[in-house]
Amino acid sequence: MRVVMIRWHVLAQVAVATALAACGNEVVQPTKVDVSIGQQLIDLKNARDSGALKEDEYKKQRKMLIDSVR
């Protein structure tokens, strides 16, 4: 299984789309976002540096991300 890290703003977009879809009968399609492995590693490091991820979780996620491209 390929693990893909999703940027926080994408999660926010999905949450808003879900909330809007629940308000009416319209179907809201989430936007497809292609984020490079390099950008995902940067985002992961920033999450660790900001305290959002503990060191052990950072290492686990980083390994899964790198292994997903091998």
C-alpha atoms as a PDB file:
ATOM      1  CA  MET A   1       0.000   0.000   0.000  1.00  0.00           C
ATOM      2  CA  ARG A   2       1.380   3.362  -0.949  1.00  0.00           C
ATOM      3  CA  VAL A   3       1.282   5.908   1.842  1.00  0.00           C
ATOM      4  CA  VAL A   4       0.680   9.454   0.762  1.00  0.00           C
ATOM      5  CA  MET A   5       0.971  12.373   3.142  1.00  0.00           C
ATOM      6  CA  ILE A   6      -1.695  14.999   2.574  1.00  0.00           C
ATOM      7  CA  ARG A   7      -1.055  18.645   3.274  1.00  0.00           C
ATOM      8  CA  TRP A   8      -3.135  20.206   6.035  1.00  0.00           C
ATOM      9  CA  HIS A   9      -4.920  22.635   3.727  1.00  0.00           C
ATOM     10  CA  VAL A  10      -6.097  19.724   1.578  1.00  0.00           C
ATOM     11  CA  LEU A  11      -7.636  18.126   4.654  1.00  0.00           C
ATOM     12  CA  ALA A  12      -9.397  21.403   5.361  1.00  0.00           C
ATOM     13  CA  GLN A  13     -10.737  21.493   1.800  1.00  0.00           C
ATOM     14  CA  VAL A  14     -12.074  17.962   2.133  1.00  0.00           C
ATOM     15  CA  ALA A  15     -13.724  18.826   5.453  1.00  0.00           C
ATOM     16  CA  VAL A  16     -15.399  21.881   3.920  1.00  0.00           C
ATOM     17  CA  ALA A  17     -16.488  19.887   0.867  1.00  0.00           C
ATOM     18  CA  THR A  18     -17.982  17.207   3.106  1.00  0.00           C
ATOM     19  CA  ALA A  19     -19.817  19.795   5.191  1.00  0.00           C
ATOM     20  CA  LEU A  20     -21.186  21.482   2.073  1.00  0.00           C
ATOM     21  CA  ALA A  21     -22.276  18.169   0.600  1.00  0.00           C
ATOM     22  CA  ALA A  22     -24.200  17.413   3.778  1.00  0.00           C
ATOM     23  CA  CYS A  23     -26.086  20.711   3.407  1.00  0.00           C
ATOM     24  CA  GLY A  24     -27.700  19.892   0.086  1.00  0.00           C
ATOM     25  CA  ASN A  25     -28.086  17.342  -2.649  1.00  0.00           C
ATOM     26  CA  GLU A  26     -25.098  18.500  -4.678  1.00  0.00           C
ATOM     27  CA  VAL A  27     -22.125  16.189  -4.933  1.00  0.00           C
ATOM     28  CA  VAL A  28     -18.840  17.950  -4.252  1.00  0.00           C
ATOM     29  CA  GLN A  29     -15.781  16.326  -5.778  1.00  0.00           C
ATOM     30  CA  PRO A  30     -12.538  16.786  -3.837  1.00  0.00           C
ATOM     31  CA  THR A  31      -9.697  18.358  -5.768  1.00  0.00           C
ATOM     32  CA  LYS A  32      -6.902  15.987  -6.746  1.00  0.00           C
ATOM     33  CA  VAL A  33      -3.597  17.271  -5.427  1.00  0.00           C
ATOM     34  CA  ASP A  34      -0.242  15.940  -6.574  1.00  0.00           C
ATOM     35  CA  VAL A  35       2.435  16.663  -4.011  1.00  0.00           C
ATOM     36  CA  SER A  36       6.015  15.628  -4.718  1.00  0.00           C
ATOM     37  CA  ILE A  37       7.848  13.277  -2.380  1.00  0.00           C
ATOM     38  CA  GLY A  38      10.280  16.087  -1.617  1.00  0.00           C
ATOM     39  CA  GLN A  39       7.461  18.424  -0.575  1.00  0.00           C
ATOM     40  CA  GLN A  40       5.903  15.675   1.537  1.00  0.00           C
ATOM     41  CA  LEU A  41       9.245  15.183   3.330  1.00  0.00           C
ATOM     42  CA  ILE A  42       9.486  18.932   3.937  1.00  0.00           C
ATOM     43  CA  ASP A  43       5.923  19.010   5.296  1.00  0.00           C
ATOM     44  CA  LEU A  44       6.680  16.029   7.513  1.00  0.00           C
ATOM     45  CA  LYS A  45       9.824  17.700   8.891  1.00  0.00           C
ATOM     46  CA  ASN A  46       7.910  20.931   9.514  1.00  0.00           C
ATOM     47  CA  ALA A  47       5.269  18.977  11.419  1.00  0.00           C
ATOM     48  CA  ARG A  48       7.992  17.448  13.583  1.00  0.00           C
ATOM     49  CA  ASP A  49       9.766  20.771  14.098  1.00  0.00           C
ATOM     50  CA  SER A  50       6.512  22.480  15.113  1.00  0.00           C
ATOM     51  CA  GLY A  51       5.715  19.761  17.641  1.00  0.00           C
ATOM     52  CA  ALA A  52       2.749  18.360  15.719  1.00  0.00           C
ATOM     53  CA  LEU A  53       4.598  15.016  15.403  1.00  0.00           C
ATOM     54  CA  LYS A  54       6.756  13.278  17.972  1.00  0.00           C
ATOM     55  CA  GLU A  55      10.186  12.072  16.833  1.00  0.00           C
ATOM     56  CA  ASP A  56       9.200   8.385  16.727  1.00  0.00           C
ATOM     57  CA  GLU A  57       6.085   9.115  14.637  1.00  0.00           C
ATOM     58  CA  TYR A  58       8.155  11.340  12.323  1.00  0.00           C
ATOM     59  CA  LYS A  59      10.677   8.540  11.756  1.00  0.00           C
ATOM     60  CA  LYS A  60       7.896   6.005  11.132  1.00  0.00           C
ATOM     61  CA  GLN A  61       6.075   8.245   8.619  1.00  0.00           C
ATOM     62  CA  ARG A  62       9.345   9.233   6.899  1.00  0.00           C
ATOM     63  CA  LYS A  63      10.348   5.584   6.462  1.00  0.00           C
ATOM     64  CA  MET A  64       6.916   4.654   5.067  1.00  0.00           C
ATOM     65  CA  LEU A  65       7.055   7.590   2.654  1.00  0.00           C
ATOM     66  CA  ILE A  66      10.545   6.740   1.401  1.00  0.00           C
ATOM     67  CA  ASP A  67       9.708   3.038   1.126  1.00  0.00           C
ATOM     68  CA  SER A  68       6.618   3.890  -0.932  1.00  0.00           C
ATOM     69  CA  VAL A  69       8.775   5.209  -3.786  1.00  0.00           C
ATOM     70  CA  ARG A  70      11.254   2.324  -3.936  1.00  0.00           C
END
